[in-house]
Amino acid sequence: VTPAVFDASEWLEEPPSSVANATPSANRKEAIEGFWIARPW
């Protein structure tokens, strides 16, 4: 079973507006891994 590797540069880009409790960009995480849920309907 191979987990998915998500592109951190796409998923961790700063949102257009500020969000409460946001982590400063200096502490940005560098990797995102997980699993797709097949047939999400």
PDB file of all heavy atoms in Angstrom:
ATOM      1  N   VAL A   1       0.861  -1.188   0.000  1.00  0.00           N
ATOM      2  CA  VAL A   1       0.000   0.000   0.000  1.00  0.00           C
ATOM      3  C   VAL A   1       0.895   1.234   0.000  1.00  0.00           C
ATOM      4  O   VAL A   1       1.649   1.466   0.937  1.00  0.00           O
ATOM      5  CB  VAL A   1      -0.913   0.016   1.243  1.00  0.00           C
ATOM      6  CG1 VAL A   1      -1.648   1.348   1.344  1.00  0.00           C
ATOM      7  CG2 VAL A   1      -1.899  -1.147   1.194  1.00  0.00           C
ATOM      8  N   THR A   2       0.830   2.005  -1.078  1.00  0.00           N
ATOM      9  CA  THR A   2       1.674   3.191  -1.208  1.00  0.00           C
ATOM     10  C   THR A   2       0.868   4.457  -0.953  1.00  0.00           C
ATOM     11  O   THR A   2      -0.108   4.723  -1.659  1.00  0.00           O
ATOM     12  CB  THR A   2       2.297   3.277  -2.619  1.00  0.00           C
ATOM     13  OG1 THR A   2       2.995   2.062  -2.905  1.00  0.00           O
ATOM     14  CG2 THR A   2       3.264   4.450  -2.704  1.00  0.00           C
ATOM     15  N   PRO A   3       1.231   5.248   0.051  1.00  0.00           N
ATOM     16  CA  PRO A   3       0.493   6.488   0.330  1.00  0.00           C
ATOM     17  C   PRO A   3       0.727   7.534  -0.760  1.00  0.00           C
ATOM     18  O   PRO A   3       1.711   7.473  -1.505  1.00  0.00           O
ATOM     19  CB  PRO A   3       1.066   6.935   1.671  1.00  0.00           C
ATOM     20  CG  PRO A   3       2.428   6.335   1.724  1.00  0.00           C
ATOM     21  CD  PRO A   3       2.338   5.024   1.000  1.00  0.00           C
ATOM     22  N   ALA A   4      -0.176   8.482  -0.835  1.00  0.00           N
ATOM     23  CA  ALA A   4      -0.047   9.572  -1.802  1.00  0.00           C
ATOM     24  C   ALA A   4       0.911  10.631  -1.268  1.00  0.00           C
ATOM     25  O   ALA A   4       1.030  10.830  -0.068  1.00  0.00           O
ATOM     26  CB  ALA A   4      -1.416  10.198  -2.072  1.00  0.00           C
ATOM     27  N   VAL A   5       1.595  11.289  -2.185  1.00  0.00           N
ATOM     28  CA  VAL A   5       2.477  12.414  -1.845  1.00  0.00           C
ATOM     29  C   VAL A   5       1.891  13.657  -2.512  1.00  0.00           C
ATOM     30  O   VAL A   5       1.790  13.726  -3.736  1.00  0.00           O
ATOM     31  CB  VAL A   5       3.913  12.175  -2.333  1.00  0.00           C
ATOM     32  CG1 VAL A   5       4.792  13.369  -1.993  1.00  0.00           C
ATOM     33  CG2 VAL A   5       4.493  10.908  -1.715  1.00  0.00           C
ATOM     34  N   PHE A   6       1.475  14.625  -1.707  1.00  0.00           N
ATOM     35  CA  PHE A   6       0.842  15.830  -2.230  1.00  0.00           C
ATOM     36  C   PHE A   6       1.868  16.958  -2.364  1.00  0.00           C
ATOM     37  O   PHE A   6       2.814  17.038  -1.564  1.00  0.00           O
ATOM     38  CB  PHE A   6      -0.298  16.278  -1.311  1.00  0.00           C
ATOM     39  CG  PHE A   6      -1.345  15.213  -1.097  1.00  0.00           C
ATOM     40  CD1 PHE A   6      -1.319  14.416   0.044  1.00  0.00           C
ATOM     41  CD2 PHE A   6      -2.341  14.998  -2.030  1.00  0.00           C
ATOM     42  CE1 PHE A   6      -2.268  13.430   0.258  1.00  0.00           C
ATOM     43  CE2 PHE A   6      -3.298  14.001  -1.833  1.00  0.00           C
ATOM     44  CZ  PHE A   6      -3.255  13.222  -0.684  1.00  0.00           C
ATOM     45  N   ASP A   7       1.675  17.803  -3.342  1.00  0.00           N
ATOM     46  CA  ASP A   7       2.604  18.900  -3.608  1.00  0.00           C
ATOM     47  C   ASP A   7       2.403  20.005  -2.562  1.00  0.00           C
ATOM     48  O   ASP A   7       1.404  20.726  -2.579  1.00  0.00           O
ATOM     49  CB  ASP A   7       2.363  19.448  -5.012  1.00  0.00           C
ATOM     50  CG  ASP A   7       3.431  20.445  -5.442  1.00  0.00           C
ATOM     51  OD1 ASP A   7       4.075  21.061  -4.565  1.00  0.00           O
ATOM     52  OD2 ASP A   7       3.633  20.619  -6.659  1.00  0.00           O
ATOM     53  N   ALA A   8       3.379  20.137  -1.663  1.00  0.00           N
ATOM     54  CA  ALA A   8       3.256  21.123  -0.581  1.00  0.00           C
ATOM     55  C   ALA A   8       3.194  22.545  -1.114  1.00  0.00           C
ATOM     56  O   ALA A   8       2.535  23.415  -0.534  1.00  0.00           O
ATOM     57  CB  ALA A   8       4.426  20.982   0.395  1.00  0.00           C
ATOM     58  N   SER A   9       3.866  22.827  -2.233  1.00  0.00           N
ATOM     59  CA  SER A   9       3.865  24.186  -2.773  1.00  0.00           C
ATOM     60  C   SER A   9       2.483  24.589  -3.269  1.00  0.00           C
ATOM     61  O   SER A   9       2.140  25.772  -3.293  1.00  0.00           O
ATOM     62  CB  SER A   9       4.873  24.294  -3.921  1.00  0.00           C
ATOM     63  OG  SER A   9       4.483  23.487  -5.023  1.00  0.00           O
ATOM     64  N   GLU A  10       1.657  23.618  -3.647  1.00  0.00           N
ATOM     65  CA  GLU A  10       0.299  23.910  -4.094  1.00  0.00           C
ATOM     66  C   GLU A  10      -0.678  23.976  -2.925  1.00  0.00           C
ATOM     67  O   GLU A  10      -1.538  24.849  -2.870  1.00  0.00           O
ATOM     68  CB  GLU A  10      -0.171  22.836  -5.086  1.00  0.00           C
ATOM     69  CG  GLU A  10       0.588  22.828  -6.397  1.00  0.00           C
ATOM     70  CD  GLU A  10       0.094  21.736  -7.326  1.00  0.00           C
ATOM     71  OE1 GLU A  10      -0.660  20.847  -6.857  1.00  0.00           O
ATOM     72  OE2 GLU A  10       0.458  21.751  -8.510  1.00  0.00           O
ATOM     73  N   TRP A  11      -0.535  23.036  -1.997  1.00  0.00           N
ATOM     74  CA  TRP A  11      -1.519  22.934  -0.922  1.00  0.00           C
ATOM     75  C   TRP A  11      -1.235  23.827   0.267  1.00  0.00           C
ATOM     76  O   TRP A  11      -2.137  24.095   1.074  1.00  0.00           O
ATOM     77  CB  TRP A  11      -1.641  21.492  -0.463  1.00  0.00           C
ATOM     78  CG  TRP A  11      -2.355  20.650  -1.459  1.00  0.00           C
ATOM     79  CD1 TRP A  11      -1.795  19.828  -2.394  1.00  0.00           C
ATOM     80  CD2 TRP A  11      -3.777  20.573  -1.654  1.00  0.00           C
ATOM     81  NE1 TRP A  11      -2.783  19.235  -3.157  1.00  0.00           N
ATOM     82  CE2 TRP A  11      -4.005  19.674  -2.726  1.00  0.00           C
ATOM     83  CE3 TRP A  11      -4.867  21.162  -1.025  1.00  0.00           C
ATOM     84  CZ2 TRP A  11      -5.287  19.360  -3.172  1.00  0.00           C
ATOM     85  CZ3 TRP A  11      -6.151  20.866  -1.472  1.00  0.00           C
ATOM     86  CH2 TRP A  11      -6.352  19.971  -2.536  1.00  0.00           C
ATOM     87  N   LEU A  12      -0.003  24.313   0.393  1.00  0.00           N
ATOM     88  CA  LEU A  12       0.322  25.161   1.539  1.00  0.00           C
ATOM     89  C   LEU A  12       0.539  26.615   1.153  1.00  0.00           C
ATOM     90  O   LEU A  12       1.100  27.386   1.923  1.00  0.00           O
ATOM     91  CB  LEU A  12       1.572  24.630   2.262  1.00  0.00           C
ATOM     92  CG  LEU A  12       1.453  23.226   2.833  1.00  0.00           C
ATOM     93  CD1 LEU A  12       2.705  22.867   3.622  1.00  0.00           C
ATOM     94  CD2 LEU A  12       0.222  23.084   3.715  1.00  0.00           C
ATOM     95  N   GLU A  13       0.121  26.995  -0.042  1.00  0.00           N
ATOM     96  CA  GLU A  13       0.253  28.398  -0.448  1.00  0.00           C
ATOM     97  C   GLU A  13      -0.611  29.262   0.443  1.00  0.00           C
ATOM     98  O   GLU A  13      -1.630  28.820   0.981  1.00  0.00           O
ATOM     99  CB  GLU A  13      -0.156  28.564  -1.914  1.00  0.00           C
ATOM    100  CG  GLU A  13      -1.610  28.224  -2.172  1.00  0.00           C
ATOM    101  CD  GLU A  13      -1.954  28.270  -3.647  1.00  0.00           C
ATOM    102  OE1 GLU A  13      -1.058  28.530  -4.454  1.00  0.00           O
ATOM    103  OE2 GLU A  13      -3.134  28.056  -3.962  1.00  0.00           O
ATOM    104  N   GLU A  14      -0.194  30.493   0.650  1.00  0.00           N
ATOM    105  CA  GLU A  14      -0.931  31.390   1.545  1.00  0.00           C
ATOM    106  C   GLU A  14      -2.321  31.675   0.993  1.00  0.00           C
ATOM    107  O   GLU A  14      -2.487  31.910  -0.198  1.00  0.00           O
ATOM    108  CB  GLU A  14      -0.172  32.716   1.709  1.00  0.00           C
ATOM    109  CG  GLU A  14       1.156  32.562   2.419  1.00  0.00           C
ATOM    110  CD  GLU A  14       0.991  32.085   3.854  1.00  0.00           C
ATOM    111  OE1 GLU A  14      -0.079  32.325   4.433  1.00  0.00           O
ATOM    112  OE2 GLU A  14       1.932  31.471   4.384  1.00  0.00           O
ATOM    113  N   PRO A  15      -3.353  31.656   1.831  1.00  0.00           N
ATOM    114  CA  PRO A  15      -4.707  31.988   1.387  1.00  0.00           C
ATOM    115  C   PRO A  15      -4.808  33.460   1.049  1.00  0.00           C
ATOM    116  O   PRO A  15      -4.005  34.269   1.502  1.00  0.00           O
ATOM    117  CB  PRO A  15      -5.573  31.638   2.597  1.00  0.00           C
ATOM    118  CG  PRO A  15      -4.647  31.799   3.761  1.00  0.00           C
ATOM    119  CD  PRO A  15      -3.284  31.381   3.267  1.00  0.00           C
ATOM    120  N   PRO A  16      -5.801  33.859   0.198  1.00  0.00           N
ATOM    121  CA  PRO A  16      -5.951  35.257  -0.179  1.00  0.00           C
ATOM    122  C   PRO A  16      -6.240  36.185   0.986  1.00  0.00           C
ATOM    123  O   PRO A  16      -5.953  37.360   0.942  1.00  0.00           O
ATOM    124  CB  PRO A  16      -7.133  35.223  -1.162  1.00  0.00           C
ATOM    125  CG  PRO A  16      -7.853  33.945  -0.857  1.00  0.00           C
ATOM    126  CD  PRO A  16      -6.791  32.990  -0.428  1.00  0.00           C
ATOM    127  N   SER A  17      -6.821  35.647   2.052  1.00  0.00           N
ATOM    128  CA  SER A  17      -7.106  36.469   3.226  1.00  0.00           C
ATOM    129  C   SER A  17      -6.545  35.773   4.449  1.00  0.00           C
ATOM    130  O   SER A  17      -6.359  34.570   4.472  1.00  0.00           O
ATOM    131  CB  SER A  17      -8.618  36.674   3.379  1.00  0.00           C
ATOM    132  OG  SER A  17      -9.263  35.428   3.515  1.00  0.00           O
ATOM    133  N   SER A  18      -6.283  36.539   5.496  1.00  0.00           N
ATOM    134  CA  SER A  18      -5.703  35.962   6.705  1.00  0.00           C
ATOM    135  C   SER A  18      -6.697  35.050   7.387  1.00  0.00           C
ATOM    136  O   SER A  18      -7.902  35.255   7.333  1.00  0.00           O
ATOM    137  CB  SER A  18      -5.286  37.077   7.665  1.00  0.00           C
ATOM    138  OG  SER A  18      -6.402  37.865   8.015  1.00  0.00           O
ATOM    139  N   VAL A  19      -6.184  34.009   8.057  1.00  0.00           N
ATOM    140  CA  VAL A  19      -7.017  33.056   8.771  1.00  0.00           C
ATOM    141  C   VAL A  19      -6.568  33.030  10.225  1.00  0.00           C
ATOM    142  O   VAL A  19      -5.384  33.040  10.513  1.00  0.00           O
ATOM    143  CB  VAL A  19      -6.881  31.639   8.154  1.00  0.00           C
ATOM    144  CG1 VAL A  19      -7.755  30.642   8.913  1.00  0.00           C
ATOM    145  CG2 VAL A  19      -7.241  31.663   6.683  1.00  0.00           C
ATOM    146  N   ALA A  20      -7.530  33.011  11.130  1.00  0.00           N
ATOM    147  CA  ALA A  20      -7.184  32.981  12.556  1.00  0.00           C
ATOM    148  C   ALA A  20      -6.384  31.735  12.881  1.00  0.00           C
ATOM    149  O   ALA A  20      -6.580  30.679  12.285  1.00  0.00           O
ATOM    150  CB  ALA A  20      -8.476  33.008  13.388  1.00  0.00           C
ATOM    151  N   ASN A  21      -5.468  31.870  13.826  1.00  0.00           N
ATOM    152  CA  ASN A  21      -4.630  30.760  14.284  1.00  0.00           C
ATOM    153  C   ASN A  21      -3.661  30.266  13.237  1.00  0.00           C
ATOM    154  O   ASN A  21      -3.161  29.146  13.316  1.00  0.00           O
ATOM    155  CB  ASN A  21      -5.497  29.576  14.761  1.00  0.00           C
ATOM    156  CG  ASN A  21      -6.421  29.949  15.885  1.00  0.00           C
ATOM    157  OD1 ASN A  21      -6.040  30.716  16.776  1.00  0.00           O
ATOM    158  ND2 ASN A  21      -7.652  29.435  15.844  1.00  0.00           N
ATOM    159  N   ALA A  22      -3.412  31.061  12.198  1.00  0.00           N
ATOM    160  CA  ALA A  22      -2.487  30.632  11.150  1.00  0.00           C
ATOM    161  C   ALA A  22      -1.067  30.554  11.693  1.00  0.00           C
ATOM    162  O   ALA A  22      -0.657  31.347  12.533  1.00  0.00           O
ATOM    163  CB  ALA A  22      -2.541  31.602   9.966  1.00  0.00           C
ATOM    164  N   THR A  23      -0.315  29.572  11.182  1.00  0.00           N
ATOM    165  CA  THR A  23       1.075  29.417  11.562  1.00  0.00           C
ATOM    166  C   THR A  23       1.928  30.325  10.692  1.00  0.00           C
ATOM    167  O   THR A  23       1.734  30.369   9.475  1.00  0.00           O
ATOM    168  CB  THR A  23       1.516  27.951  11.362  1.00  0.00           C
ATOM    169  OG1 THR A  23       0.679  27.123  12.157  1.00  0.00           O
ATOM    170  CG2 THR A  23       2.962  27.765  11.760  1.00  0.00           C
ATOM    171  N   PRO A  24       2.877  31.082  11.232  1.00  0.00           N
ATOM    172  CA  PRO A  24       3.723  31.950  10.424  1.00  0.00           C
ATOM    173  C   PRO A  24       4.407  31.174   9.318  1.00  0.00           C
ATOM    174  O   PRO A  24       4.809  30.030   9.496  1.00  0.00           O
ATOM    175  CB  PRO A  24       4.746  32.481  11.452  1.00  0.00           C
ATOM    176  CG  PRO A  24       4.052  32.370  12.767  1.00  0.00           C
ATOM    177  CD  PRO A  24       3.203  31.159  12.669  1.00  0.00           C
ATOM    178  N   SER A  25       4.568  31.819   8.150  1.00  0.00           N
ATOM    179  CA  SER A  25       5.158  31.146   6.998  1.00  0.00           C
ATOM    180  C   SER A  25       6.583  30.705   7.259  1.00  0.00           C
ATOM    181  O   SER A  25       7.091  29.790   6.622  1.00  0.00           O
ATOM    182  CB  SER A  25       5.110  32.067   5.770  1.00  0.00           C
ATOM    183  OG  SER A  25       5.791  33.282   6.041  1.00  0.00           O
ATOM    184  N   ALA A  26       7.252  31.336   8.222  1.00  0.00           N
ATOM    185  CA  ALA A  26       8.627  30.944   8.530  1.00  0.00           C
ATOM    186  C   ALA A  26       8.679  29.524   9.083  1.00  0.00           C
ATOM    187  O   ALA A  26       9.685  28.832   8.974  1.00  0.00           O
ATOM    188  CB  ALA A  26       9.223  31.902   9.554  1.00  0.00           C
ATOM    189  N   ASN A  27       7.548  29.069   9.659  1.00  0.00           N
ATOM    190  CA  ASN A  27       7.497  27.721  10.220  1.00  0.00           C
ATOM    191  C   ASN A  27       6.785  26.751   9.281  1.00  0.00           C
ATOM    192  O   ASN A  27       6.275  25.733   9.710  1.00  0.00           O
ATOM    193  CB  ASN A  27       6.762  27.738  11.564  1.00  0.00           C
ATOM    194  CG  ASN A  27       7.490  28.564  12.590  1.00  0.00           C
ATOM    195  OD1 ASN A  27       8.714  28.615  12.592  1.00  0.00           O
ATOM    196  ND2 ASN A  27       6.730  29.231  13.448  1.00  0.00           N
ATOM    197  N   ARG A  28       6.734  27.104   8.004  1.00  0.00           N
ATOM    198  CA  ARG A  28       5.992  26.321   7.034  1.00  0.00           C
ATOM    199  C   ARG A  28       6.438  24.866   7.015  1.00  0.00           C
ATOM    200  O   ARG A  28       7.611  24.568   7.074  1.00  0.00           O
ATOM    201  CB  ARG A  28       6.151  26.920   5.637  1.00  0.00           C
ATOM    202  CG  ARG A  28       5.624  26.027   4.524  1.00  0.00           C
ATOM    203  CD  ARG A  28       5.412  26.774   3.240  1.00  0.00           C
ATOM    204  NE  ARG A  28       4.301  27.696   3.376  1.00  0.00           N
ATOM    205  CZ  ARG A  28       3.884  28.478   2.379  1.00  0.00           C
ATOM    206  NH1 ARG A  28       4.482  28.484   1.230  1.00  0.00           N
ATOM    207  NH2 ARG A  28       2.872  29.294   2.568  1.00  0.00           N
ATOM    208  N   LYS A  29       5.483  23.962   6.906  1.00  0.00           N
ATOM    209  CA  LYS A  29       5.764  22.537   6.830  1.00  0.00           C
ATOM    210  C   LYS A  29       6.298  22.225   5.428  1.00  0.00           C
ATOM    211  O   LYS A  29       6.070  22.958   4.490  1.00  0.00           O
ATOM    212  CB  LYS A  29       4.503  21.725   7.097  1.00  0.00           C
ATOM    213  CG  LYS A  29       3.676  22.196   8.281  1.00  0.00           C
ATOM    214  CD  LYS A  29       4.412  22.156   9.604  1.00  0.00           C
ATOM    215  CE  LYS A  29       3.526  22.619  10.731  1.00  0.00           C
ATOM    216  NZ  LYS A  29       4.187  22.591  12.033  1.00  0.00           N
ATOM    217  N   GLU A  30       6.996  21.133   5.321  1.00  0.00           N
ATOM    218  CA  GLU A  30       7.641  20.872   4.036  1.00  0.00           C
ATOM    219  C   GLU A  30       7.166  19.631   3.299  1.00  0.00           C
ATOM    220  O   GLU A  30       7.574  19.391   2.172  1.00  0.00           O
ATOM    221  CB  GLU A  30       9.154  20.780   4.234  1.00  0.00           C
ATOM    222  CG  GLU A  30       9.611  19.621   5.066  1.00  0.00           C
ATOM    223  CD  GLU A  30      11.110  19.457   5.039  1.00  0.00           C
ATOM    224  OE1 GLU A  30      11.809  20.441   4.762  1.00  0.00           O
ATOM    225  OE2 GLU A  30      11.565  18.342   5.291  1.00  0.00           O
ATOM    226  N   ALA A  31       6.334  18.818   3.911  1.00  0.00           N
ATOM    227  CA  ALA A  31       5.862  17.617   3.230  1.00  0.00           C
ATOM    228  C   ALA A  31       4.429  17.306   3.615  1.00  0.00           C
ATOM    229  O   ALA A  31       4.010  17.556   4.743  1.00  0.00           O
ATOM    230  CB  ALA A  31       6.762  16.435   3.583  1.00  0.00           C
ATOM    231  N   ILE A  32       3.671  16.773   2.645  1.00  0.00           N
ATOM    232  CA  ILE A  32       2.293  16.349   2.894  1.00  0.00           C
ATOM    233  C   ILE A  32       2.119  14.952   2.314  1.00  0.00           C
ATOM    234  O   ILE A  32       2.347  14.739   1.127  1.00  0.00           O
ATOM    235  CB  ILE A  32       1.253  17.283   2.247  1.00  0.00           C
ATOM    236  CG1 ILE A  32       1.561  18.741   2.541  1.00  0.00           C
ATOM    237  CG2 ILE A  32      -0.144  16.931   2.727  1.00  0.00           C
ATOM    238  CD1 ILE A  32       0.585  19.687   1.868  1.00  0.00           C
ATOM    239  N   GLU A  33       1.720  14.021   3.155  1.00  0.00           N
ATOM    240  CA  GLU A  33       1.498  12.645   2.719  1.00  0.00           C
ATOM    241  C   GLU A  33       0.159  12.151   3.261  1.00  0.00           C
ATOM    242  O   GLU A  33      -0.329  12.660   4.276  1.00  0.00           O
ATOM    243  CB  GLU A  33       2.622  11.732   3.217  1.00  0.00           C
ATOM    244  CG  GLU A  33       3.990  12.129   2.692  1.00  0.00           C
ATOM    245  CD  GLU A  33       5.108  11.281   3.276  1.00  0.00           C
ATOM    246  OE1 GLU A  33       4.825  10.407   4.133  1.00  0.00           O
ATOM    247  OE2 GLU A  33       6.262  11.488   2.875  1.00  0.00           O
ATOM    248  N   GLY A  34      -0.429  11.204   2.577  1.00  0.00           N
ATOM    249  CA  GLY A  34      -1.709  10.687   3.046  1.00  0.00           C
ATOM    250  C   GLY A  34      -2.317   9.704   2.074  1.00  0.00           C
ATOM    251  O   GLY A  34      -1.607   8.953   1.399  1.00  0.00           O
ATOM    252  N   PHE A  35      -3.644   9.726   1.977  1.00  0.00           N
ATOM    253  CA  PHE A  35      -4.361   8.745   1.169  1.00  0.00           C
ATOM    254  C   PHE A  35      -5.561   9.393   0.484  1.00  0.00           C
ATOM    255  O   PHE A  35      -6.277  10.197   1.088  1.00  0.00           O
ATOM    256  CB  PHE A  35      -4.857   7.594   2.045  1.00  0.00           C
ATOM    257  CG  PHE A  35      -3.760   6.796   2.677  1.00  0.00           C
ATOM    258  CD1 PHE A  35      -3.235   7.193   3.902  1.00  0.00           C
ATOM    259  CD2 PHE A  35      -3.258   5.670   2.057  1.00  0.00           C
ATOM    260  CE1 PHE A  35      -2.210   6.461   4.497  1.00  0.00           C
ATOM    261  CE2 PHE A  35      -2.241   4.928   2.648  1.00  0.00           C
ATOM    262  CZ  PHE A  35      -1.712   5.323   3.861  1.00  0.00           C
ATOM    263  N   TRP A  36      -5.770   9.020  -0.768  1.00  0.00           N
ATOM    264  CA  TRP A  36      -7.006   9.388  -1.447  1.00  0.00           C
ATOM    265  C   TRP A  36      -8.123   8.479  -0.950  1.00  0.00           C
ATOM    266  O   TRP A  36      -7.898   7.303  -0.679  1.00  0.00           O
ATOM    267  CB  TRP A  36      -6.883   9.209  -2.956  1.00  0.00           C
ATOM    268  CG  TRP A  36      -5.988  10.188  -3.658  1.00  0.00           C
ATOM    269  CD1 TRP A  36      -4.792   9.926  -4.250  1.00  0.00           C
ATOM    270  CD2 TRP A  36      -6.235  11.587  -3.861  1.00  0.00           C
ATOM    271  NE1 TRP A  36      -4.272  11.078  -4.795  1.00  0.00           N
ATOM    272  CE2 TRP A  36      -5.136  12.100  -4.578  1.00  0.00           C
ATOM    273  CE3 TRP A  36      -7.269  12.442  -3.493  1.00  0.00           C
ATOM    274  CZ2 TRP A  36      -5.044  13.439  -4.931  1.00  0.00           C
ATOM    275  CZ3 TRP A  36      -7.181  13.787  -3.855  1.00  0.00           C
ATOM    276  CH2 TRP A  36      -6.083  14.266  -4.569  1.00  0.00           C
ATOM    277  N   ILE A  37      -9.323   9.018  -0.868  1.00  0.00           N
ATOM    278  CA  ILE A  37     -10.517   8.209  -0.584  1.00  0.00           C
ATOM    279  C   ILE A  37     -11.200   7.954  -1.915  1.00  0.00           C
ATOM    280  O   ILE A  37     -11.736   8.874  -2.536  1.00  0.00           O
ATOM    281  CB  ILE A  37     -11.478   8.931   0.386  1.00  0.00           C
ATOM    282  CG1 ILE A  37     -10.813   9.073   1.756  1.00  0.00           C
ATOM    283  CG2 ILE A  37     -12.791   8.153   0.509  1.00  0.00           C
ATOM    284  CD1 ILE A  37     -11.700   9.708   2.813  1.00  0.00           C
ATOM    285  N   ALA A  38     -11.137   6.710  -2.374  1.00  0.00           N
ATOM    286  CA  ALA A  38     -11.761   6.362  -3.648  1.00  0.00           C
ATOM    287  C   ALA A  38     -13.281   6.452  -3.538  1.00  0.00           C
ATOM    288  O   ALA A  38     -13.851   6.272  -2.470  1.00  0.00           O
ATOM    289  CB  ALA A  38     -11.354   4.941  -4.052  1.00  0.00           C
ATOM    290  N   ARG A  39     -13.948   6.735  -4.637  1.00  0.00           N
ATOM    291  CA  ARG A  39     -15.405   6.861  -4.696  1.00  0.00           C
ATOM    292  C   ARG A  39     -15.937   7.766  -3.583  1.00  0.00           C
ATOM    293  O   ARG A  39     -16.752   7.341  -2.750  1.00  0.00           O
ATOM    294  CB  ARG A  39     -16.066   5.477  -4.595  1.00  0.00           C
ATOM    295  CG  ARG A  39     -15.696   4.517  -5.700  1.00  0.00           C
ATOM    296  CD  ARG A  39     -16.331   3.140  -5.510  1.00  0.00           C
ATOM    297  NE  ARG A  39     -15.803   2.462  -4.333  1.00  0.00           N
ATOM    298  CZ  ARG A  39     -16.479   2.290  -3.218  1.00  0.00           C
ATOM    299  NH1 ARG A  39     -17.713   2.750  -3.092  1.00  0.00           N
ATOM    300  NH2 ARG A  39     -15.934   1.649  -2.198  1.00  0.00           N
ATOM    301  N   PRO A  40     -15.488   9.019  -3.517  1.00  0.00           N
ATOM    302  CA  PRO A  40     -15.898   9.902  -2.419  1.00  0.00           C
ATOM    303  C   PRO A  40     -17.370  10.297  -2.455  1.00  0.00           C
ATOM    304  O   PRO A  40     -17.811  11.071  -1.612  1.00  0.00           O
ATOM    305  CB  PRO A  40     -14.987  11.123  -2.611  1.00  0.00           C
ATOM    306  CG  PRO A  40     -14.677  11.132  -4.072  1.00  0.00           C
ATOM    307  CD  PRO A  40     -14.568   9.694  -4.451  1.00  0.00           C
ATOM    308  N   TRP A  41     -18.102   9.769  -3.398  1.00  0.00           N
ATOM    309  CA  TRP A  41     -19.550  10.020  -3.447  1.00  0.00           C
ATOM    310  C   TRP A  41     -20.318   8.897  -2.733  1.00  0.00           C
ATOM    311  O   TRP A  41     -21.532   8.951  -2.609  1.00  0.00           O
ATOM    312  CB  TRP A  41     -20.023  10.096  -4.900  1.00  0.00           C
ATOM    313  CG  TRP A  41     -19.537   8.946  -5.727  1.00  0.00           C
ATOM    314  CD1 TRP A  41     -20.107   7.706  -5.851  1.00  0.00           C
ATOM    315  CD2 TRP A  41     -18.354   8.911  -6.508  1.00  0.00           C
ATOM    316  NE1 TRP A  41     -19.358   6.899  -6.669  1.00  0.00           N
ATOM    317  CE2 TRP A  41     -18.268   7.625  -7.093  1.00  0.00           C
ATOM    318  CE3 TRP A  41     -17.351   9.844  -6.792  1.00  0.00           C
ATOM    319  CZ2 TRP A  41     -17.215   7.244  -7.935  1.00  0.00           C
ATOM    320  CZ3 TRP A  41     -16.303   9.465  -7.632  1.00  0.00           C
ATOM    321  CH2 TRP A  41     -16.239   8.185  -8.199  1.00  0.00           C
TER     322      TRP A  41
END
